[in-house]
Amino acid sequence: MTELTVIILTKNEARHIVRAIASVRGVASRIIVVDSGSTDDTVALAQSAGAQVLHHAWVNHAAQFNWALDQIAGTSGWVLRLDADEVVTDALATRIAVGLPDVDGCYIGRRIKFMGQMVKYGGLFPVPIIRLFRNGRGRCEARWMDEHIVVEGSTAHLQGEIIDDNRNPLDWWVAKHNAYASREVVDVLNREYQFLPGAGDLPGRGGTVMKRWVKLHLYGRLPAGLRAGAYFFYRYVLRFGFLDGPQARSFHVLQGFWYRYLVDAKLAEVRRHMATTGAEPIAAIASVLGVDVAAMNTFQKDMAA
C-alpha cells in the first residue's frame, strides 16, 4: 500500500472536517491537520477522527501548506493536499490503494458542488490539478492568489476525483470571493508595476498551466468591464451552463460574471484613486482595498530565500 500523508488546512471547519478525514482514512498512512486558530470544535473533531493536529499562525494558503511540508521533510512516501471542505471519491481512493505510477506528481480531476448541486456544464469541470506528489518533489507556489503545487519531475493523470462540497451559507461564499477579488486586483497591478516578486506562468504542461496562460494572455488583454460579460457568455451559453440545475446556474452567474466583474470594478477604483491623488500602487491598494502589500512582499521574499 502507498505510504501517504494527507495534509488538511483548517480554521473553523467543524462543519466539514470529519467528512474530509473519513474520505481518506482507508488510504492514508497519516492525516495531518494544520489549524490556524479555530474557535469551534474543529481540533477536537479532527483528533477524534484520528488526525494529528498541528498549530501554526495563518499567513496564506501557500505559506501554511509549505510549513506543513517542512514538518515532514525527509520522510518517504506521497503527499495529498486536501481542503477541509473537499472529499476524495471512492474511485480515487481505490486508485491510490492499488499503487501510484512512477512519477513525481499526479493530476487529479476536481469538481464543485455549489449549494449542494454538482456543476456539470460550463466547460469547467473536472479541473485537472496536481494534488498528489512524492514528498520532497513538490512545493506550493509562493502566491497570495490562485496558488498551485509545482513538482520537479514527470507527472501522470489519475482516475477518480476530488469533490469540493462546501456546506457554508451563501453569505460566506460571497465574503470569501470579495476578499479574493481584492487579492486578484493586487496580482493585476503587480504584473504592471512589479512591486512584488513575479509569479506568472506555471512551469510545465497541463490543464492548470493552460488555464493560467489563457487568463494572463487572452482574458487579461480584453477591455475591463467587457471581459466578464464575454466570459459569462462563453460559459453560460456556448458551453451550456444554462443546462445546469438552479444552484449550479447560480454558480455560473456569481463566479463566472459577478466575481469577474467585481475584480474589474475594484481595479478601476484603485486606478481612479491613483489618478486623482497621485498615490503609488502600494499606497492606493492599502487605501482602497485595505490590503497590506508590504506584508505580501515580506512573505514572498522569505519564501524565495
Protein backbone atom coordinates (compact mmCIF):
# COMPACT_ATOMS: atom_id res chain seq x y z
CA MET A 1 0.00 0.00 0.00
CA THR A 2 1.22 3.50 -0.85
CA GLU A 3 2.63 5.42 2.10
CA LEU A 4 0.51 8.55 2.03
CA THR A 5 0.42 11.67 4.21
CA VAL A 6 -2.73 13.75 3.82
CA ILE A 7 -2.42 17.45 4.76
CA ILE A 8 -5.58 19.45 5.53
CA LEU A 9 -5.52 23.15 6.45
CA THR A 10 -8.26 24.31 8.79
CA LYS A 11 -9.84 27.21 10.60
CA ASN A 12 -13.36 26.75 11.93
CA GLU A 13 -14.09 23.73 9.75
CA ALA A 14 -16.22 21.75 12.21
CA ARG A 15 -18.90 21.50 9.52
CA HIS A 16 -16.56 19.66 7.13
CA ILE A 17 -13.50 18.14 8.80
CA VAL A 18 -14.88 14.73 9.83
CA ARG A 19 -16.23 14.14 6.32
CA ALA A 20 -12.87 15.04 4.73
CA ILE A 21 -10.92 12.75 7.05
CA ALA A 22 -13.37 9.88 6.52
CA SER A 23 -12.87 10.08 2.75
CA VAL A 24 -9.12 9.34 3.06
CA ARG A 25 -8.95 7.22 6.21
CA GLY A 26 -8.78 3.99 4.22
CA VAL A 27 -5.72 5.03 2.16
CA ALA A 28 -3.80 7.46 4.39
CA SER A 29 -0.83 6.37 6.48
CA ARG A 30 -1.29 9.56 8.48
CA ILE A 31 -3.51 12.60 8.34
CA ILE A 32 -2.11 15.95 9.43
CA VAL A 33 -4.46 18.84 10.16
CA VAL A 34 -2.77 22.24 10.37
CA ASP A 35 -5.06 24.54 12.31
CA SER A 36 -4.73 28.33 12.43
CA GLY A 37 -6.79 29.22 15.48
CA SER A 38 -10.17 27.55 15.22
CA THR A 39 -12.71 28.67 17.80
CA ASP A 40 -15.20 25.91 17.05
CA ASP A 41 -14.83 22.13 17.51
CA THR A 42 -12.51 21.61 14.54
CA VAL A 43 -9.48 20.49 16.55
CA ALA A 44 -11.38 18.11 18.82
CA LEU A 45 -13.27 16.59 15.90
CA ALA A 46 -10.09 16.12 13.87
CA GLN A 47 -8.31 14.43 16.75
CA SER A 48 -11.24 12.16 17.49
CA ALA A 49 -11.30 11.18 13.80
CA GLY A 50 -7.67 10.06 14.02
CA ALA A 51 -5.78 13.06 12.65
CA GLN A 52 -2.63 14.59 14.08
CA VAL A 53 -3.27 18.28 14.72
CA LEU A 54 -0.54 20.89 14.41
CA HIS A 55 -0.96 24.60 15.08
CA HIS A 56 0.51 27.43 13.00
CA ALA A 57 -0.42 31.10 12.61
CA TRP A 58 -2.07 31.93 9.29
CA VAL A 59 -0.38 33.92 6.53
CA ASN A 60 -1.97 32.42 3.43
CA HIS A 61 -2.61 29.02 1.86
CA ALA A 62 0.82 28.71 0.26
CA ALA A 63 2.73 29.56 3.43
CA GLN A 64 0.57 27.27 5.55
CA PHE A 65 0.88 24.29 3.24
CA ASN A 66 4.62 24.69 2.73
CA TRP A 67 5.08 24.95 6.50
CA ALA A 68 3.26 21.63 6.81
CA LEU A 69 5.60 20.11 4.22
CA ASP A 70 8.56 21.31 6.25
CA GLN A 71 7.26 19.32 9.24
CA ILE A 72 7.52 16.07 7.27
CA ALA A 73 10.69 16.88 5.34
CA GLY A 74 12.89 13.86 4.76
CA THR A 75 10.16 11.27 5.17
CA SER A 76 9.33 8.88 2.36
CA GLY A 77 6.07 8.37 0.52
CA TRP A 78 3.50 10.62 -1.07
CA VAL A 79 1.59 13.76 0.00
CA LEU A 80 -2.03 14.59 -0.78
CA ARG A 81 -3.28 18.13 -0.34
CA LEU A 82 -6.96 18.12 0.60
CA ASP A 83 -9.07 21.11 1.58
CA ALA A 84 -11.29 20.67 4.62
CA ASP A 85 -14.44 21.12 2.51
CA GLU A 86 -13.34 18.51 -0.05
CA VAL A 87 -13.75 14.76 -0.23
CA VAL A 88 -11.88 12.07 -2.12
CA THR A 89 -14.19 9.89 -4.21
CA ASP A 90 -14.23 6.13 -3.76
CA ALA A 91 -12.78 5.75 -7.26
CA LEU A 92 -9.78 7.91 -6.41
CA ALA A 93 -9.24 6.18 -3.06
CA THR A 94 -9.26 2.80 -4.85
CA ARG A 95 -6.76 4.06 -7.44
CA ILE A 96 -4.40 5.25 -4.69
CA ALA A 97 -4.76 1.98 -2.82
CA VAL A 98 -3.67 -0.19 -5.75
CA GLY A 99 -0.46 1.81 -6.21
CA LEU A 100 0.74 5.02 -7.83
CA PRO A 101 2.74 5.44 -11.04
CA ASP A 102 6.48 6.02 -11.18
CA VAL A 103 6.23 9.81 -11.43
CA ASP A 104 6.77 12.80 -9.15
CA GLY A 105 3.23 14.15 -9.20
CA CYS A 106 -0.30 13.25 -10.22
CA TYR A 107 -3.06 15.36 -11.74
CA ILE A 108 -6.46 14.70 -10.20
CA GLY A 109 -9.81 15.92 -11.52
CA ARG A 110 -11.62 18.32 -9.20
CA ARG A 111 -15.34 19.12 -9.32
CA ILE A 112 -17.51 21.58 -7.40
CA LYS A 113 -20.86 21.19 -5.74
CA PHE A 114 -22.48 24.59 -5.25
CA MET A 115 -25.15 24.82 -2.57
CA GLY A 116 -25.42 21.03 -2.73
CA GLN A 117 -25.69 20.68 -6.51
CA MET A 118 -22.94 19.42 -8.83
CA VAL A 119 -21.82 21.85 -11.52
CA LYS A 120 -21.82 19.78 -14.72
CA TYR A 121 -21.71 22.27 -17.58
CA GLY A 122 -19.88 25.48 -18.44
CA GLY A 123 -16.71 23.78 -19.70
CA LEU A 124 -15.11 23.94 -16.27
CA PHE A 125 -15.04 20.58 -14.56
CA PRO A 126 -13.34 18.37 -13.81
CA VAL A 127 -10.32 20.68 -13.48
CA PRO A 128 -7.05 18.67 -13.54
CA ILE A 129 -4.78 19.88 -10.74
CA ILE A 130 -1.71 18.46 -9.03
CA ARG A 131 -2.77 17.48 -5.52
CA LEU A 132 -0.74 14.27 -5.09
CA PHE A 133 3.06 14.17 -5.24
CA ARG A 134 6.11 12.48 -3.84
CA ASN A 135 7.27 14.10 -0.61
CA GLY A 136 10.20 16.37 -1.36
CA ARG A 137 9.38 16.65 -5.05
CA GLY A 138 6.61 19.24 -4.86
CA ARG A 139 6.01 22.65 -3.32
CA CYS A 140 3.25 25.24 -3.37
CA GLU A 141 3.85 28.43 -5.34
CA ALA A 142 4.56 31.49 -3.21
CA ARG A 143 1.42 33.32 -4.30
CA TRP A 144 -1.42 35.05 -2.46
CA MET A 145 -4.00 34.06 -5.06
CA ASP A 146 -4.53 31.07 -7.36
CA GLU A 147 -1.60 29.13 -5.91
CA HIS A 148 -0.77 25.68 -7.28
CA ILE A 149 1.57 22.84 -6.42
CA VAL A 150 4.55 22.59 -8.73
CA VAL A 151 6.53 19.35 -8.99
CA GLU A 152 10.09 18.93 -10.21
CA GLY A 153 9.71 15.92 -12.49
CA SER A 154 7.26 13.86 -14.51
CA THR A 155 3.51 13.73 -13.92
CA ALA A 156 0.57 11.44 -14.69
CA HIS A 157 -3.22 11.66 -14.55
CA LEU A 158 -5.17 9.52 -12.08
CA GLN A 159 -8.71 8.22 -12.37
CA GLY A 160 -11.09 9.37 -9.68
CA GLU A 161 -11.81 12.87 -8.43
CA ILE A 162 -11.82 15.31 -5.55
CA ILE A 163 -15.18 16.96 -4.87
CA ASP A 164 -15.38 20.46 -3.39
CA ASP A 165 -18.66 20.44 -1.46
CA ASN A 166 -18.73 23.40 0.91
CA ARG A 167 -21.79 23.44 3.17
CA ASN A 168 -21.45 27.02 4.45
CA PRO A 169 -24.20 29.54 3.57
CA LEU A 170 -24.06 31.76 0.50
CA ASP A 171 -23.05 34.82 2.54
CA TRP A 172 -19.82 33.00 3.46
CA TRP A 173 -19.08 32.33 -0.22
CA VAL A 174 -19.73 35.96 -1.16
CA ALA A 175 -17.47 37.28 1.61
CA LYS A 176 -14.68 34.89 0.62
CA HIS A 177 -14.84 35.90 -3.04
CA ASN A 178 -14.97 39.59 -2.15
CA ALA A 179 -11.59 39.09 -0.45
CA TYR A 180 -10.36 37.03 -3.39
CA ALA A 181 -11.27 39.87 -5.75
CA SER A 182 -9.10 42.32 -3.82
CA ARG A 183 -6.15 39.93 -3.93
CA GLU A 184 -6.63 39.41 -7.66
CA VAL A 185 -6.51 43.19 -8.18
CA VAL A 186 -3.12 43.14 -6.47
CA ASP A 187 -1.98 40.46 -8.92
CA VAL A 188 -3.17 42.51 -11.92
CA LEU A 189 -1.44 45.69 -10.74
CA ASN A 190 1.69 43.77 -9.83
CA ARG A 191 2.04 42.49 -13.39
CA GLU A 192 2.02 46.14 -14.49
CA TYR A 193 4.12 47.78 -11.75
CA GLN A 194 6.14 44.80 -10.42
CA PHE A 195 6.12 45.76 -6.75
CA LEU A 196 6.06 42.07 -5.69
CA PRO A 197 8.22 39.16 -6.88
CA GLY A 198 6.61 37.91 -10.08
CA ALA A 199 4.73 34.63 -10.34
CA GLY A 200 3.12 34.50 -13.74
CA ASP A 201 3.06 31.41 -15.90
CA LEU A 202 3.26 27.98 -14.33
CA PRO A 203 6.13 25.76 -15.48
CA GLY A 204 5.37 22.52 -17.28
CA ARG A 205 2.21 21.47 -19.10
CA GLY A 206 -1.36 20.52 -18.32
CA GLY A 207 -4.83 21.99 -17.92
CA THR A 208 -3.88 24.21 -14.99
CA VAL A 209 -0.97 25.68 -16.94
CA MET A 210 -3.19 26.39 -19.96
CA LYS A 211 -5.89 27.96 -17.77
CA ARG A 212 -3.43 30.44 -16.28
CA TRP A 213 -1.92 31.20 -19.71
CA VAL A 214 -5.37 31.98 -21.10
CA LYS A 215 -6.19 34.13 -18.08
CA LEU A 216 -2.96 36.14 -18.34
CA HIS A 217 -2.53 36.42 -22.09
CA LEU A 218 -6.05 36.33 -23.55
CA TYR A 219 -8.65 37.24 -20.92
CA GLY A 220 -6.30 39.80 -19.35
CA ARG A 221 -5.97 41.69 -22.63
CA LEU A 222 -9.69 42.13 -23.19
CA PRO A 223 -11.24 45.50 -22.20
CA ALA A 224 -12.07 45.64 -18.50
CA GLY A 225 -15.82 45.79 -17.96
CA LEU A 226 -16.49 43.78 -21.11
CA ARG A 227 -14.46 40.66 -20.44
CA ALA A 228 -16.64 39.50 -17.55
CA GLY A 229 -19.68 39.51 -19.84
CA ALA A 230 -17.76 37.75 -22.61
CA TYR A 231 -16.54 35.06 -20.23
CA PHE A 232 -20.03 34.54 -18.81
CA PHE A 233 -21.49 34.24 -22.32
CA TYR A 234 -18.86 31.63 -23.16
CA ARG A 235 -19.63 29.58 -20.06
CA TYR A 236 -23.38 30.02 -19.79
CA VAL A 237 -24.35 29.91 -23.47
CA LEU A 238 -21.58 28.43 -25.60
CA ARG A 239 -20.61 25.81 -23.00
CA PHE A 240 -24.22 25.13 -21.98
CA GLY A 241 -24.09 26.35 -18.38
CA PHE A 242 -27.81 27.12 -18.67
CA LEU A 243 -28.45 23.36 -18.68
CA ASP A 244 -27.25 23.04 -15.10
CA GLY A 245 -29.65 22.91 -12.17
CA PRO A 246 -30.74 26.10 -10.37
CA GLN A 247 -28.00 26.14 -7.73
CA ALA A 248 -25.32 25.36 -10.31
CA ARG A 249 -26.67 28.10 -12.58
CA SER A 250 -26.24 30.48 -9.66
CA PHE A 251 -22.59 29.42 -9.52
CA HIS A 252 -22.09 30.37 -13.17
CA VAL A 253 -23.66 33.80 -12.59
CA LEU A 254 -21.83 34.51 -9.35
CA GLN A 255 -18.41 33.03 -10.11
CA GLY A 256 -18.41 33.49 -13.89
CA PHE A 257 -19.84 37.01 -14.02
CA TRP A 258 -20.30 38.73 -10.62
CA TYR A 259 -16.87 37.80 -9.32
CA ARG A 260 -15.05 38.61 -12.55
CA TYR A 261 -16.90 41.97 -12.84
CA LEU A 262 -16.13 42.72 -9.18
CA VAL A 263 -12.41 42.31 -9.88
CA ASP A 264 -12.62 44.80 -12.74
CA ALA A 265 -14.70 47.27 -10.69
CA LYS A 266 -12.20 47.16 -7.83
CA LEU A 267 -9.32 47.54 -10.27
CA ALA A 268 -10.95 50.63 -11.76
CA GLU A 269 -11.49 52.06 -8.28
CA VAL A 270 -7.81 51.69 -7.39
CA ARG A 271 -6.75 53.22 -10.71
CA ARG A 272 -9.06 56.22 -10.14
CA HIS A 273 -7.53 56.73 -6.70
CA MET A 274 -4.03 56.67 -8.19
CA ALA A 275 -5.03 59.16 -10.90
CA THR A 276 -6.74 61.64 -8.58
CA THR A 277 -4.29 61.50 -5.65
CA GLY A 278 -1.00 60.61 -7.32
CA ALA A 279 -0.61 57.68 -4.95
CA GLU A 280 1.72 54.83 -5.82
CA PRO A 281 0.11 51.39 -6.33
CA ILE A 282 1.01 50.03 -2.89
CA ALA A 283 -0.47 53.05 -1.11
CA ALA A 284 -3.55 53.05 -3.33
CA ILE A 285 -4.18 49.36 -2.69
CA ALA A 286 -3.94 49.91 1.05
CA SER A 287 -6.25 52.94 0.96
CA VAL A 288 -8.94 51.50 -1.33
CA LEU A 289 -8.81 47.76 -0.66
CA GLY A 290 -7.29 47.63 2.81
CA VAL A 291 -4.66 45.12 1.63
CA ASP A 292 -1.18 45.30 3.19
CA VAL A 293 1.11 44.77 0.21
CA ALA A 294 4.17 45.26 2.40
CA ALA A 295 3.25 42.09 4.31
CA MET A 296 2.86 40.26 0.99
CA ASN A 297 6.30 41.46 -0.11
CA THR A 298 7.92 40.25 3.10
CA PHE A 299 6.24 36.88 2.78
CA GLN A 300 7.27 36.34 -0.84
CA LYS A 301 10.88 37.37 -0.16
CA ASP A 302 11.00 34.93 2.77
CA MET A 303 9.55 32.15 0.61
CA ALA A 304 12.09 32.81 -2.13
CA ALA A 305 15.05 32.85 0.28
